[in-house]
Amino acid sequence: MKIWGLTGGIGMGKSTATGVIRRRNIPVFDADATVHALQGRGGRAVAPIGLAFPGAIRDGAVDREALRRAVLGNPAA
């Protein structure tokens, strides 16, 4: 089995390429979707992130902007 990685900046066609790959019935792992599920309401990463960065949780989900501020504003993080 071959494993390929698809990366690129905003607007580079990653979603289009992924759509073509999926239409050919090739399995795709979407890291962005996985992270959103983990950090979303009830996600498995919410509690651990909340313990490390208490102000980064809002309405049961990770507030990504608050998390960014907490991480970038803390040299020890």
PDB file of N, CA and C in Angstrom:
ATOM      1  N   MET A   1       0.849  -1.172   0.000  1.00  0.00           N
ATOM      2  CA  MET A   1       0.000   0.000   0.000  1.00  0.00           C
ATOM      3  C   MET A   1       0.894   1.235   0.000  1.00  0.00           C
ATOM      4  N   LYS A   2       0.557   2.191  -0.816  1.00  0.00           N
ATOM      5  CA  LYS A   2       1.258   3.470  -0.833  1.00  0.00           C
ATOM      6  C   LYS A   2       0.484   4.469   0.014  1.00  0.00           C
ATOM      7  N   ILE A   3       1.219   5.299   0.728  1.00  0.00           N
ATOM      8  CA  ILE A   3       0.612   6.377   1.503  1.00  0.00           C
ATOM      9  C   ILE A   3       1.176   7.681   0.976  1.00  0.00           C
ATOM     10  N   TRP A   4       0.285   8.570   0.586  1.00  0.00           N
ATOM     11  CA  TRP A   4       0.689   9.868   0.046  1.00  0.00           C
ATOM     12  C   TRP A   4       0.214  10.953   0.986  1.00  0.00           C
ATOM     13  N   GLY A   5       0.921  12.047   1.009  1.00  0.00           N
ATOM     14  CA  GLY A   5       0.506  13.219   1.775  1.00  0.00           C
ATOM     15  C   GLY A   5       0.186  14.352   0.820  1.00  0.00           C
ATOM     16  N   LEU A   6      -0.826  15.116   1.144  1.00  0.00           N
ATOM     17  CA  LEU A   6      -1.232  16.245   0.315  1.00  0.00           C
ATOM     18  C   LEU A   6      -1.197  17.497   1.181  1.00  0.00           C
ATOM     19  N   THR A   7      -0.338  18.427   0.826  1.00  0.00           N
ATOM     20  CA  THR A   7      -0.215  19.666   1.584  1.00  0.00           C
ATOM     21  C   THR A   7      -0.264  20.846   0.629  1.00  0.00           C
ATOM     22  N   GLY A   8      -0.430  22.020   1.191  1.00  0.00           N
ATOM     23  CA  GLY A   8      -0.412  23.237   0.384  1.00  0.00           C
ATOM     24  C   GLY A   8      -1.080  24.367   1.125  1.00  0.00           C
ATOM     25  N   GLY A   9      -0.873  25.543   0.631  1.00  0.00           N
ATOM     26  CA  GLY A   9      -1.453  26.731   1.240  1.00  0.00           C
ATOM     27  C   GLY A   9      -2.926  26.883   0.898  1.00  0.00           C
ATOM     28  N   ILE A  10      -3.505  27.946   1.412  1.00  0.00           N
ATOM     29  CA  ILE A  10      -4.911  28.255   1.151  1.00  0.00           C
ATOM     30  C   ILE A  10      -5.098  28.495  -0.342  1.00  0.00           C
ATOM     31  N   GLY A  11      -6.144  27.896  -0.901  1.00  0.00           N
ATOM     32  CA  GLY A  11      -6.477  28.107  -2.308  1.00  0.00           C
ATOM     33  C   GLY A  11      -5.593  27.359  -3.290  1.00  0.00           C
ATOM     34  N   MET A  12      -4.886  26.339  -2.832  1.00  0.00           N
ATOM     35  CA  MET A  12      -3.972  25.605  -3.706  1.00  0.00           C
ATOM     36  C   MET A  12      -4.615  24.382  -4.361  1.00  0.00           C
ATOM     37  N   GLY A  13      -5.863  24.071  -4.012  1.00  0.00           N
ATOM     38  CA  GLY A  13      -6.558  22.961  -4.655  1.00  0.00           C
ATOM     39  C   GLY A  13      -6.555  21.652  -3.886  1.00  0.00           C
ATOM     40  N   LYS A  14      -6.242  21.700  -2.608  1.00  0.00           N
ATOM     41  CA  LYS A  14      -6.228  20.470  -1.808  1.00  0.00           C
ATOM     42  C   LYS A  14      -7.606  19.816  -1.763  1.00  0.00           C
ATOM     43  N   SER A  15      -8.647  20.608  -1.551  1.00  0.00           N
ATOM     44  CA  SER A  15     -10.010  20.049  -1.477  1.00  0.00           C
ATOM     45  C   SER A  15     -10.432  19.473  -2.817  1.00  0.00           C
ATOM     46  N   THR A  16     -10.078  20.138  -3.893  1.00  0.00           N
ATOM     47  CA  THR A  16     -10.401  19.631  -5.231  1.00  0.00           C
ATOM     48  C   THR A  16      -9.688  18.309  -5.479  1.00  0.00           C
ATOM     49  N   ALA A  17      -8.407  18.258  -5.171  1.00  0.00           N
ATOM     50  CA  ALA A  17      -7.642  17.024  -5.365  1.00  0.00           C
ATOM     51  C   ALA A  17      -8.191  15.900  -4.496  1.00  0.00           C
ATOM     52  N   THR A  18      -8.548  16.223  -3.261  1.00  0.00           N
ATOM     53  CA  THR A  18      -9.106  15.219  -2.358  1.00  0.00           C
ATOM     54  C   THR A  18     -10.423  14.678  -2.904  1.00  0.00           C
ATOM     55  N   GLY A  19     -11.245  15.559  -3.479  1.00  0.00           N
ATOM     56  CA  GLY A  19     -12.508  15.123  -4.077  1.00  0.00           C
ATOM     57  C   GLY A  19     -12.285  14.138  -5.213  1.00  0.00           C
ATOM     58  N   VAL A  20     -11.303  14.408  -6.053  1.00  0.00           N
ATOM     59  CA  VAL A  20     -10.976  13.505  -7.160  1.00  0.00           C
ATOM     60  C   VAL A  20     -10.531  12.149  -6.610  1.00  0.00           C
ATOM     61  N   ILE A  21      -9.698  12.184  -5.600  1.00  0.00           N
ATOM     62  CA  ILE A  21      -9.198  10.942  -5.000  1.00  0.00           C
ATOM     63  C   ILE A  21     -10.346  10.135  -4.400  1.00  0.00           C
ATOM     64  N   ARG A  22     -11.237  10.803  -3.671  1.00  0.00           N
ATOM     65  CA  ARG A  22     -12.379  10.095  -3.058  1.00  0.00           C
ATOM     66  C   ARG A  22     -13.304   9.499  -4.111  1.00  0.00           C
ATOM     67  N   ARG A  23     -13.527  10.222  -5.204  1.00  0.00           N
ATOM     68  CA  ARG A  23     -14.406   9.701  -6.265  1.00  0.00           C
ATOM     69  C   ARG A  23     -13.837   8.438  -6.902  1.00  0.00           C
ATOM     70  N   ARG A  24     -12.564   8.219  -6.756  1.00  0.00           N
ATOM     71  CA  ARG A  24     -11.937   6.999  -7.267  1.00  0.00           C
ATOM     72  C   ARG A  24     -11.924   5.899  -6.200  1.00  0.00           C
ATOM     73  N   ASN A  25     -12.687   6.135  -5.128  1.00  0.00           N
ATOM     74  CA  ASN A  25     -12.815   5.168  -4.026  1.00  0.00           C
ATOM     75  C   ASN A  25     -11.483   4.861  -3.344  1.00  0.00           C
ATOM     76  N   ILE A  26     -10.628   5.871  -3.281  1.00  0.00           N
ATOM     77  CA  ILE A  26      -9.360   5.743  -2.564  1.00  0.00           C
ATOM     78  C   ILE A  26      -9.567   6.355  -1.182  1.00  0.00           C
ATOM     79  N   PRO A  27      -9.225   5.626  -0.117  1.00  0.00           N
ATOM     80  CA  PRO A  27      -9.425   6.165   1.236  1.00  0.00           C
ATOM     81  C   PRO A  27      -8.611   7.440   1.455  1.00  0.00           C
ATOM     82  N   VAL A  28      -9.227   8.385   2.145  1.00  0.00           N
ATOM     83  CA  VAL A  28      -8.585   9.666   2.451  1.00  0.00           C
ATOM     84  C   VAL A  28      -8.708   9.920   3.947  1.00  0.00           C
ATOM     85  N   PHE A  29      -7.603  10.268   4.577  1.00  0.00           N
ATOM     86  CA  PHE A  29      -7.616  10.705   5.969  1.00  0.00           C
ATOM     87  C   PHE A  29      -7.524  12.221   5.951  1.00  0.00           C
ATOM     88  N   ASP A  30      -8.526  12.881   6.490  1.00  0.00           N
ATOM     89  CA  ASP A  30      -8.578  14.344   6.517  1.00  0.00           C
ATOM     90  C   ASP A  30      -8.204  14.816   7.918  1.00  0.00           C
ATOM     91  N   ALA A  31      -6.961  15.247   8.075  1.00  0.00           N
ATOM     92  CA  ALA A  31      -6.474  15.667   9.391  1.00  0.00           C
ATOM     93  C   ALA A  31      -7.254  16.864   9.917  1.00  0.00           C
ATOM     94  N   ASP A  32      -7.626  17.799   9.042  1.00  0.00           N
ATOM     95  CA  ASP A  32      -8.392  18.966   9.489  1.00  0.00           C
ATOM     96  C   ASP A  32      -9.726  18.545  10.099  1.00  0.00           C
ATOM     97  N   ALA A  33     -10.429  17.645   9.432  1.00  0.00           N
ATOM     98  CA  ALA A  33     -11.723  17.186   9.947  1.00  0.00           C
ATOM     99  C   ALA A  33     -11.549  16.454  11.278  1.00  0.00           C
ATOM    100  N   THR A  34     -10.477  15.693  11.397  1.00  0.00           N
ATOM    101  CA  THR A  34     -10.218  14.965  12.637  1.00  0.00           C
ATOM    102  C   THR A  34      -9.953  15.922  13.788  1.00  0.00           C
ATOM    103  N   VAL A  35      -9.136  16.944  13.545  1.00  0.00           N
ATOM    104  CA  VAL A  35      -8.841  17.932  14.593  1.00  0.00           C
ATOM    105  C   VAL A  35     -10.108  18.670  14.999  1.00  0.00           C
ATOM    106  N   HIS A  36     -10.934  19.045  14.031  1.00  0.00           N
ATOM    107  CA  HIS A  36     -12.187  19.737  14.358  1.00  0.00           C
ATOM    108  C   HIS A  36     -13.101  18.840  15.197  1.00  0.00           C
ATOM    109  N   ALA A  37     -13.143  17.549  14.896  1.00  0.00           N
ATOM    110  CA  ALA A  37     -13.965  16.628  15.692  1.00  0.00           C
ATOM    111  C   ALA A  37     -13.403  16.480  17.107  1.00  0.00           C
ATOM    112  N   LEU A  38     -12.092  16.390  17.230  1.00  0.00           N
ATOM    113  CA  LEU A  38     -11.471  16.251  18.549  1.00  0.00           C
ATOM    114  C   LEU A  38     -11.661  17.493  19.406  1.00  0.00           C
ATOM    115  N   GLN A  39     -11.643  18.667  18.772  1.00  0.00           N
ATOM    116  CA  GLN A  39     -11.738  19.922  19.512  1.00  0.00           C
ATOM    117  C   GLN A  39     -13.154  20.474  19.578  1.00  0.00           C
ATOM    118  N   GLY A  40     -14.081  19.863  18.863  1.00  0.00           N
ATOM    119  CA  GLY A  40     -15.464  20.331  18.860  1.00  0.00           C
ATOM    120  C   GLY A  40     -16.208  19.917  20.120  1.00  0.00           C
ATOM    121  N   ARG A  41     -17.464  20.332  20.224  1.00  0.00           N
ATOM    122  CA  ARG A  41     -18.285  20.029  21.399  1.00  0.00           C
ATOM    123  C   ARG A  41     -18.280  18.524  21.663  1.00  0.00           C
ATOM    124  N   GLY A  42     -17.851  18.157  22.877  1.00  0.00           N
ATOM    125  CA  GLY A  42     -17.806  16.755  23.266  1.00  0.00           C
ATOM    126  C   GLY A  42     -16.600  15.997  22.734  1.00  0.00           C
ATOM    127  N   GLY A  43     -15.700  16.664  22.036  1.00  0.00           N
ATOM    128  CA  GLY A  43     -14.528  16.000  21.478  1.00  0.00           C
ATOM    129  C   GLY A  43     -13.562  15.538  22.556  1.00  0.00           C
ATOM    130  N   ARG A  44     -12.806  14.510  22.235  1.00  0.00           N
ATOM    131  CA  ARG A  44     -11.904  13.905  23.223  1.00  0.00           C
ATOM    132  C   ARG A  44     -10.755  14.815  23.631  1.00  0.00           C
ATOM    133  N   ALA A  45     -10.435  15.831  22.860  1.00  0.00           N
ATOM    134  CA  ALA A  45      -9.323  16.726  23.205  1.00  0.00           C
ATOM    135  C   ALA A  45      -9.766  17.914  24.047  1.00  0.00           C
ATOM    136  N   VAL A  46     -11.069  18.117  24.187  1.00  0.00           N
ATOM    137  CA  VAL A  46     -11.567  19.309  24.890  1.00  0.00           C
ATOM    138  C   VAL A  46     -11.110  19.327  26.344  1.00  0.00           C
ATOM    139  N   ALA A  47     -11.310  18.257  27.073  1.00  0.00           N
ATOM    140  CA  ALA A  47     -10.946  18.239  28.498  1.00  0.00           C
ATOM    141  C   ALA A  47      -9.446  18.421  28.716  1.00  0.00           C
ATOM    142  N   PRO A  48      -8.584  17.678  28.004  1.00  0.00           N
ATOM    143  CA  PRO A  48      -7.150  17.883  28.219  1.00  0.00           C
ATOM    144  C   PRO A  48      -6.683  19.296  27.860  1.00  0.00           C
ATOM    145  N   ILE A  49      -7.219  19.855  26.795  1.00  0.00           N
ATOM    146  CA  ILE A  49      -6.851  21.225  26.427  1.00  0.00           C
ATOM    147  C   ILE A  49      -7.363  22.192  27.482  1.00  0.00           C
ATOM    148  N   GLY A  50      -8.569  21.940  27.991  1.00  0.00           N
ATOM    149  CA  GLY A  50      -9.121  22.788  29.041  1.00  0.00           C
ATOM    150  C   GLY A  50      -8.297  22.764  30.315  1.00  0.00           C
ATOM    151  N   LEU A  51      -7.726  21.609  30.633  1.00  0.00           N
ATOM    152  CA  LEU A  51      -6.859  21.517  31.814  1.00  0.00           C
ATOM    153  C   LEU A  51      -5.573  22.315  31.619  1.00  0.00           C
ATOM    154  N   ALA A  52      -5.018  22.236  30.429  1.00  0.00           N
ATOM    155  CA  ALA A  52      -3.760  22.932  30.151  1.00  0.00           C
ATOM    156  C   ALA A  52      -3.960  24.427  29.932  1.00  0.00           C
ATOM    157  N   PHE A  53      -5.096  24.790  29.329  1.00  0.00           N
ATOM    158  CA  PHE A  53      -5.388  26.185  28.987  1.00  0.00           C
ATOM    159  C   PHE A  53      -6.838  26.484  29.363  1.00  0.00           C
ATOM    160  N   PRO A  54      -7.105  26.763  30.651  1.00  0.00           N
ATOM    161  CA  PRO A  54      -8.478  26.891  31.150  1.00  0.00           C
ATOM    162  C   PRO A  54      -9.351  27.892  30.393  1.00  0.00           C
ATOM    163  N   GLY A  55      -8.816  28.952  29.869  1.00  0.00           N
ATOM    164  CA  GLY A  55      -9.634  29.936  29.167  1.00  0.00           C
ATOM    165  C   GLY A  55      -9.913  29.600  27.720  1.00  0.00           C
ATOM    166  N   ALA A  56      -9.464  28.430  27.276  1.00  0.00           N
ATOM    167  CA  ALA A  56      -9.571  28.086  25.859  1.00  0.00           C
ATOM    168  C   ALA A  56     -10.817  27.272  25.518  1.00  0.00           C
ATOM    169  N   ILE A  57     -11.714  27.069  26.482  1.00  0.00           N
ATOM    170  CA  ILE A  57     -12.921  26.279  26.232  1.00  0.00           C
ATOM    171  C   ILE A  57     -14.139  27.187  26.320  1.00  0.00           C
ATOM    172  N   ARG A  58     -15.019  27.070  25.329  1.00  0.00           N
ATOM    173  CA  ARG A  58     -16.261  27.841  25.314  1.00  0.00           C
ATOM    174  C   ARG A  58     -17.373  26.944  24.786  1.00  0.00           C
ATOM    175  N   ASP A  59     -18.461  26.877  25.520  1.00  0.00           N
ATOM    176  CA  ASP A  59     -19.628  26.073  25.122  1.00  0.00           C
ATOM    177  C   ASP A  59     -19.260  24.618  24.841  1.00  0.00           C
ATOM    178  N   GLY A  60     -18.357  24.062  25.641  1.00  0.00           N
ATOM    179  CA  GLY A  60     -18.012  22.651  25.515  1.00  0.00           C
ATOM    180  C   GLY A  60     -17.087  22.308  24.370  1.00  0.00           C
ATOM    181  N   ALA A  61     -16.513  23.318  23.725  1.00  0.00           N
ATOM    182  CA  ALA A  61     -15.601  23.090  22.608  1.00  0.00           C
ATOM    183  C   ALA A  61     -14.378  23.984  22.776  1.00  0.00           C
ATOM    184  N   VAL A  62     -13.318  23.646  22.064  1.00  0.00           N
ATOM    185  CA  VAL A  62     -12.121  24.480  22.096  1.00  0.00           C
ATOM    186  C   VAL A  62     -12.392  25.746  21.289  1.00  0.00           C
ATOM    187  N   ASP A  63     -12.129  26.873  21.917  1.00  0.00           N
ATOM    188  CA  ASP A  63     -12.188  28.167  21.233  1.00  0.00           C
ATOM    189  C   ASP A  63     -10.800  28.363  20.627  1.00  0.00           C
ATOM    190  N   ARG A  64     -10.682  28.155  19.342  1.00  0.00           N
ATOM    191  CA  ARG A  64      -9.371  28.140  18.695  1.00  0.00           C
ATOM    192  C   ARG A  64      -8.644  29.471  18.801  1.00  0.00           C
ATOM    193  N   GLU A  65      -9.370  30.561  18.754  1.00  0.00           N
ATOM    194  CA  GLU A  65      -8.738  31.876  18.900  1.00  0.00           C
ATOM    195  C   GLU A  65      -8.203  32.053  20.318  1.00  0.00           C
ATOM    196  N   ALA A  66      -8.985  31.652  21.320  1.00  0.00           N
ATOM    197  CA  ALA A  66      -8.525  31.744  22.711  1.00  0.00           C
ATOM    198  C   ALA A  66      -7.330  30.821  22.940  1.00  0.00           C
ATOM    199  N   LEU A  67      -7.351  29.647  22.350  1.00  0.00           N
ATOM    200  CA  LEU A  67      -6.225  28.726  22.474  1.00  0.00           C
ATOM    201  C   LEU A  67      -4.980  29.327  21.830  1.00  0.00           C
ATOM    202  N   ARG A  68      -5.141  29.919  20.673  1.00  0.00           N
ATOM    203  CA  ARG A  68      -4.010  30.560  19.994  1.00  0.00           C
ATOM    204  C   ARG A  68      -3.394  31.629  20.886  1.00  0.00           C
ATOM    205  N   ARG A  69      -4.241  32.469  21.455  1.00  0.00           N
ATOM    206  CA  ARG A  69      -3.735  33.533  22.334  1.00  0.00           C
ATOM    207  C   ARG A  69      -3.023  32.947  23.550  1.00  0.00           C
ATOM    208  N   ALA A  70      -3.600  31.892  24.127  1.00  0.00           N
ATOM    209  CA  ALA A  70      -2.998  31.276  25.315  1.00  0.00           C
ATOM    210  C   ALA A  70      -1.640  30.663  24.995  1.00  0.00           C
ATOM    211  N   VAL A  71      -1.536  30.011  23.863  1.00  0.00           N
ATOM    212  CA  VAL A  71      -0.279  29.352  23.497  1.00  0.00           C
ATOM    213  C   VAL A  71       0.768  30.377  23.078  1.00  0.00           C
ATOM    214  N   LEU A  72       0.398  31.296  22.205  1.00  0.00           N
ATOM    215  CA  LEU A  72       1.374  32.269  21.709  1.00  0.00           C
ATOM    216  C   LEU A  72       1.749  33.301  22.758  1.00  0.00           C
ATOM    217  N   GLY A  73       0.874  33.527  23.727  1.00  0.00           N
ATOM    218  CA  GLY A  73       1.157  34.498  24.772  1.00  0.00           C
ATOM    219  C   GLY A  73       1.895  33.916  25.960  1.00  0.00           C
ATOM    220  N   ASN A  74       2.231  32.620  25.890  1.00  0.00           N
ATOM    221  CA  ASN A  74       2.872  31.946  27.012  1.00  0.00           C
ATOM    222  C   ASN A  74       4.132  31.232  26.518  1.00  0.00           C
ATOM    223  N   PRO A  75       5.309  31.809  26.751  1.00  0.00           N
ATOM    224  CA  PRO A  75       6.544  31.170  26.272  1.00  0.00           C
ATOM    225  C   PRO A  75       6.751  29.755  26.812  1.00  0.00           C
ATOM    226  N   ALA A  76       6.174  29.439  27.964  1.00  0.00           N
ATOM    227  CA  ALA A  76       6.322  28.093  28.533  1.00  0.00           C
ATOM    228  C   ALA A  76       5.415  27.078  27.852  1.00  0.00           C
ATOM    229  N   ALA A  77       4.390  27.544  27.146  1.00  0.00           N
ATOM    230  CA  ALA A  77       3.463  26.637  26.470  1.00  0.00           C
ATOM    231  C   ALA A  77       4.167  26.052  25.303  1.00  0.00           C
TER     232      ALA A  77
END
